[in-house]
């Protein structure tokens, strides 16, 4: 049976306890917390006691930690940036290990920036391999395909370059749409790489006070082929978490979590379960 979680981008006004209690209240099996100095439930400089408290809340509410969203340093044309990226990944992996998280979601940077794409992917793979070697616990690293960063196709190429079974992909079909990828091609190839599915829908209408020509919308009301994405990664045979990515943190006009979180559960049961 597929397990459902949500990222705490959807509950920006809640601390760790409040967000975890929402997960329990609305029938989720897991939650994806954020390691961030900006409204993160876990601060990058969290103490051992801070992490124990979060673990205690999860246990008391019967909620699994589905993963951690990290905002790590990324590589650039500065040679020193690649060591900084490795060290940052190690730091986030250590936090994840202390919380018994199955994974951290990493940032990959922009493979189409100042550094040639082939070299950027190669250097990123080296950082990932080095970080996984330094933290030998079972925790994984997953990379989300994301607008302004790695496409889904780029992510699969990076996976092949890393060639470590502790590295995989958090598949975001909404970002495939935003980056104009050929969905049939991605769907045909994505299954071996996908460790987690991020569910988010979009419409091509600007949000209030936004510079982007698109906006988030409740699943099933936009243009993203979400059921097809789930089927592409295995459907009911998929054993990873399916995660509701409701970006109210970045799009304040979106519906409140008290509406969106139970909506997703119902939509999932009626559409994909």
Protein backbone atom coordinates (compact mmCIF):
# COMPACT_ATOMS: atom_id res chain seq x y z
CA UNK A 1 0.00 0.00 0.00
CA UNK A 2 1.35 3.41 -0.98
CA UNK A 3 2.12 5.70 1.96
CA UNK A 4 1.29 9.40 1.87
CA UNK A 5 3.17 12.36 3.31
CA UNK A 6 3.31 16.11 2.82
CA UNK A 7 6.10 18.65 2.86
CA UNK A 8 5.93 21.38 5.46
CA UNK A 9 6.08 24.01 2.73
CA UNK A 10 2.32 23.52 3.08
CA UNK A 11 2.24 24.42 6.80
CA UNK A 12 4.50 27.49 7.06
CA UNK A 13 2.90 28.80 10.24
CA UNK A 14 3.40 25.55 12.16
CA UNK A 15 6.43 24.39 14.09
CA UNK A 16 7.48 20.74 14.05
CA UNK A 17 4.88 19.70 16.60
CA UNK A 18 2.04 21.50 14.85
CA UNK A 19 2.91 20.09 11.43
CA UNK A 20 3.31 16.55 12.75
CA UNK A 21 -0.01 16.82 14.59
CA UNK A 22 -1.62 17.87 11.28
CA UNK A 23 -0.22 14.71 9.67
CA UNK A 24 -1.78 12.57 12.38
CA UNK A 25 -5.07 14.49 12.35
CA UNK A 26 -5.63 14.22 8.59
CA UNK A 27 -4.57 10.61 8.10
CA UNK A 28 -1.05 10.83 6.65
CA UNK A 29 1.51 8.15 7.36
CA UNK A 30 4.53 10.44 7.05
CA UNK A 31 5.82 13.98 6.84
CA UNK A 32 8.74 15.69 5.09
CA UNK A 33 10.28 18.28 7.40
CA UNK A 34 12.55 21.12 6.26
CA UNK A 35 16.12 21.85 7.38
CA UNK A 36 16.25 25.60 6.88
CA UNK A 37 16.95 28.83 8.71
CA UNK A 38 13.83 30.25 6.99
CA UNK A 39 10.79 28.79 8.73
CA UNK A 40 12.39 25.36 8.91
CA UNK A 41 11.16 22.99 11.60
CA UNK A 42 14.80 21.95 11.93
CA UNK A 43 17.47 24.62 12.00
CA UNK A 44 20.79 23.91 10.26
CA UNK A 45 22.54 24.35 13.62
CA UNK A 46 20.08 22.16 15.56
CA UNK A 47 21.51 20.58 18.70
CA UNK A 48 21.32 16.90 19.58
CA UNK A 49 18.59 17.77 22.07
CA UNK A 50 16.61 19.64 19.40
CA UNK A 51 16.71 16.57 17.16
CA UNK A 52 15.73 14.23 20.00
CA UNK A 53 12.69 16.42 20.68
CA UNK A 54 11.57 16.20 17.04
CA UNK A 55 12.07 12.43 17.06
CA UNK A 56 10.01 12.21 20.24
CA UNK A 57 7.11 14.14 18.68
CA UNK A 58 7.13 11.88 15.61
CA UNK A 59 7.06 8.78 17.80
CA UNK A 60 4.32 10.09 20.06
CA UNK A 61 2.07 10.92 17.08
CA UNK A 62 2.83 7.68 15.22
CA UNK A 63 4.10 9.56 12.16
CA UNK A 64 7.08 8.46 10.07
CA UNK A 65 9.69 10.85 8.82
CA UNK A 66 9.30 10.38 5.06
CA UNK A 67 12.33 12.54 4.31
CA UNK A 68 14.06 15.83 4.97
CA UNK A 69 14.16 18.76 2.57
CA UNK A 70 17.65 20.20 2.74
CA UNK A 71 18.92 23.45 1.24
CA UNK A 72 22.58 22.56 0.86
CA UNK A 73 25.41 24.53 -0.70
CA UNK A 74 25.90 23.86 -4.41
CA UNK A 75 28.86 23.97 -6.77
CA UNK A 76 29.81 26.87 -9.02
CA UNK A 77 32.74 28.22 -11.01
CA UNK A 78 34.58 28.74 -7.69
CA UNK A 79 36.71 25.59 -7.20
CA UNK A 80 36.25 25.80 -3.42
CA UNK A 81 32.47 25.56 -3.82
CA UNK A 82 32.60 21.84 -4.58
CA UNK A 83 34.24 20.97 -1.28
CA UNK A 84 31.69 23.23 0.41
CA UNK A 85 28.92 21.29 -1.33
CA UNK A 86 30.30 17.96 -0.11
CA UNK A 87 30.66 19.26 3.45
CA UNK A 88 27.12 20.67 3.35
CA UNK A 89 25.69 17.36 2.15
CA UNK A 90 27.56 15.56 4.92
CA UNK A 91 26.13 17.94 7.51
CA UNK A 92 22.57 17.35 6.29
CA UNK A 93 23.12 13.60 6.13
CA UNK A 94 24.27 13.64 9.75
CA UNK A 95 21.12 15.50 10.79
CA UNK A 96 19.05 13.00 8.85
CA UNK A 97 20.84 10.09 10.46
CA UNK A 98 20.17 11.50 13.93
CA UNK A 99 16.46 11.71 13.05
CA UNK A 100 16.41 8.26 11.45
CA UNK A 101 15.27 9.80 8.17
CA UNK A 102 15.34 7.54 5.11
CA UNK A 103 16.71 10.36 2.96
CA UNK A 104 17.60 13.98 2.46
CA UNK A 105 16.32 15.86 -0.56
CA UNK A 106 19.34 17.77 -1.91
CA UNK A 107 19.66 20.85 -4.12
CA UNK A 108 21.70 20.22 -7.25
CA UNK A 109 22.43 23.71 -8.52
CA UNK A 110 22.17 24.78 -12.15
CA UNK A 111 23.89 22.52 -14.69
CA UNK A 112 23.35 25.18 -17.35
CA UNK A 113 25.15 28.03 -15.61
CA UNK A 114 28.78 29.14 -15.58
CA UNK A 115 30.24 25.61 -15.53
CA UNK A 116 29.93 23.43 -18.64
CA UNK A 117 27.08 20.95 -18.20
CA UNK A 118 29.17 17.79 -18.54
CA UNK A 119 31.68 19.04 -16.00
CA UNK A 120 28.95 20.26 -13.65
CA UNK A 121 27.26 16.86 -13.60
CA UNK A 122 30.59 15.08 -13.14
CA UNK A 123 31.59 17.33 -10.22
CA UNK A 124 28.17 17.03 -8.60
CA UNK A 125 28.41 13.24 -8.81
CA UNK A 126 31.83 13.38 -7.16
CA UNK A 127 30.39 15.45 -4.29
CA UNK A 128 27.51 13.02 -3.80
CA UNK A 129 29.79 9.99 -3.84
CA UNK A 130 32.19 11.63 -1.38
CA UNK A 131 29.37 12.59 1.00
CA UNK A 132 27.85 9.10 0.94
CA UNK A 133 31.27 7.61 1.61
CA UNK A 134 31.81 9.90 4.61
CA UNK A 135 28.37 9.08 6.08
CA UNK A 136 28.11 5.31 5.87
CA UNK A 137 24.70 4.96 7.55
CA UNK A 138 21.77 3.69 5.43
CA UNK A 139 20.42 7.20 4.74
CA UNK A 140 19.96 8.08 1.06
CA UNK A 141 20.29 11.27 -0.97
CA UNK A 142 17.54 12.10 -3.45
CA UNK A 143 17.59 14.88 -6.03
CA UNK A 144 14.39 16.65 -7.05
CA UNK A 145 14.10 17.69 -10.68
CA UNK A 146 13.36 21.39 -10.39
CA UNK A 147 12.91 24.45 -12.57
CA UNK A 148 16.20 26.35 -12.77
CA UNK A 149 18.15 23.24 -11.83
CA UNK A 150 18.16 19.64 -13.05
CA UNK A 151 15.50 18.45 -15.46
CA UNK A 152 14.19 14.94 -14.94
CA UNK A 153 16.37 13.81 -17.84
CA UNK A 154 19.41 15.52 -16.29
CA UNK A 155 18.61 13.87 -12.96
CA UNK A 156 18.59 10.42 -14.54
CA UNK A 157 21.94 11.18 -16.17
CA UNK A 158 23.34 12.28 -12.80
CA UNK A 159 22.01 9.07 -11.23
CA UNK A 160 23.86 7.02 -13.81
CA UNK A 161 27.04 9.02 -13.15
CA UNK A 162 26.82 8.58 -9.37
CA UNK A 163 26.09 4.84 -9.73
CA UNK A 164 25.37 4.39 -6.01
CA UNK A 165 22.19 2.69 -4.83
CA UNK A 166 21.93 5.23 -1.99
CA UNK A 167 21.22 7.94 -4.55
CA UNK A 168 17.93 8.37 -6.40
CA UNK A 169 15.31 10.83 -7.56
CA UNK A 170 12.42 12.67 -6.02
CA UNK A 171 10.28 12.85 -9.14
CA UNK A 172 8.35 16.13 -9.62
CA UNK A 173 6.20 15.88 -12.75
CA UNK A 174 5.04 19.47 -12.27
CA UNK A 175 8.59 20.66 -12.92
CA UNK A 176 8.74 18.50 -16.05
CA UNK A 177 5.77 20.51 -17.31
CA UNK A 178 7.32 23.82 -16.27
CA UNK A 179 10.59 22.93 -18.01
CA UNK A 180 8.78 21.69 -21.12
CA UNK A 181 10.12 18.15 -21.05
CA UNK A 182 8.63 15.45 -23.25
CA UNK A 183 6.46 13.61 -20.74
CA UNK A 184 6.12 10.36 -22.69
CA UNK A 185 9.91 10.05 -22.82
CA UNK A 186 10.31 10.79 -19.11
CA UNK A 187 7.51 8.41 -18.13
CA UNK A 188 9.11 5.64 -20.19
CA UNK A 189 12.44 5.93 -18.33
CA UNK A 190 11.79 7.24 -14.82
CA UNK A 191 10.73 4.13 -12.89
CA UNK A 192 14.19 2.71 -11.96
CA UNK A 193 15.29 6.10 -10.59
CA UNK A 194 12.24 7.24 -8.62
CA UNK A 195 12.44 6.93 -4.82
CA UNK A 196 9.70 9.41 -3.99
CA UNK A 197 6.91 11.11 -5.94
CA UNK A 198 6.16 14.77 -5.29
CA UNK A 199 2.55 15.59 -6.18
CA UNK A 200 1.86 19.18 -7.15
CA UNK A 201 -0.39 20.66 -9.82
CA UNK A 202 -0.10 23.94 -11.71
CA UNK A 203 -2.10 26.25 -13.93
CA UNK A 204 -0.61 28.73 -16.38
CA UNK A 205 -2.07 31.79 -14.76
CA UNK A 206 -0.01 34.22 -12.65
CA UNK A 207 -0.57 34.28 -8.94
CA UNK A 208 -1.17 37.60 -7.17
CA UNK A 209 2.03 39.66 -6.98
CA UNK A 210 4.05 36.92 -8.69
CA UNK A 211 6.55 37.28 -11.53
CA UNK A 212 5.89 33.72 -12.69
CA UNK A 213 3.30 32.93 -15.42
CA UNK A 214 2.09 29.91 -13.48
CA UNK A 215 0.64 29.15 -10.07
CA UNK A 216 -0.01 26.20 -7.83
CA UNK A 217 -3.47 24.68 -7.63
CA UNK A 218 -5.05 21.73 -5.84
CA UNK A 219 -4.26 18.34 -7.44
CA UNK A 220 -6.54 17.39 -10.32
CA UNK A 221 -7.45 21.01 -11.11
CA UNK A 222 -4.39 21.83 -13.23
CA UNK A 223 -2.41 20.55 -16.20
CA UNK A 224 -0.01 18.02 -14.61
CA UNK A 225 -0.71 14.35 -15.49
CA UNK A 226 -0.44 13.15 -11.92
CA UNK A 227 -2.13 9.75 -12.23
CA UNK A 228 0.03 8.99 -15.27
CA UNK A 229 3.14 9.97 -13.30
CA UNK A 230 2.19 7.59 -10.51
CA UNK A 231 1.57 4.79 -13.00
CA UNK A 232 4.95 5.51 -14.66
CA UNK A 233 6.87 4.85 -11.42
CA UNK A 234 4.99 1.61 -10.77
CA UNK A 235 1.57 2.61 -9.48
CA UNK A 236 0.50 0.40 -6.61
CA UNK A 237 3.81 -1.47 -6.86
CA UNK A 238 5.72 1.71 -5.93
CA UNK A 239 7.10 1.31 -2.40
CA UNK A 240 8.32 4.88 -1.78
CA UNK A 241 6.38 7.77 -0.33
CA UNK A 242 3.94 9.82 -2.39
CA UNK A 243 4.32 13.34 -1.06
CA UNK A 244 1.90 16.26 -1.37
CA UNK A 245 3.99 19.29 -2.29
CA UNK A 246 1.77 22.23 -1.35
CA UNK A 247 3.95 25.34 -1.63
CA UNK A 248 2.05 27.76 0.57
CA UNK A 249 5.37 28.88 2.06
CA UNK A 250 6.26 30.44 -1.31
CA UNK A 251 2.71 31.08 -2.59
CA UNK A 252 0.73 32.60 0.29
CA UNK A 253 -2.46 32.88 -1.80
CA UNK A 254 -2.88 29.09 -1.81
CA UNK A 255 -5.59 27.48 0.30
CA UNK A 256 -4.89 26.94 3.98
CA UNK A 257 -3.50 23.56 5.06
CA UNK A 258 -6.69 22.77 6.97
CA UNK A 259 -8.40 22.60 3.55
CA UNK A 260 -5.56 21.41 1.30
CA UNK A 261 -4.27 18.52 3.42
CA UNK A 262 -7.55 16.61 3.73
CA UNK A 263 -8.38 17.47 0.10
CA UNK A 264 -5.25 15.65 -1.03
CA UNK A 265 -6.13 12.53 0.93
CA UNK A 266 -9.58 12.42 -0.64
CA UNK A 267 -8.28 13.20 -4.13
CA UNK A 268 -5.69 10.43 -3.82
CA UNK A 269 -8.21 7.83 -2.71
CA UNK A 270 -10.61 8.75 -5.52
CA UNK A 271 -7.96 9.04 -8.27
CA UNK A 272 -4.96 6.83 -7.62
CA UNK A 273 -5.57 4.38 -4.78
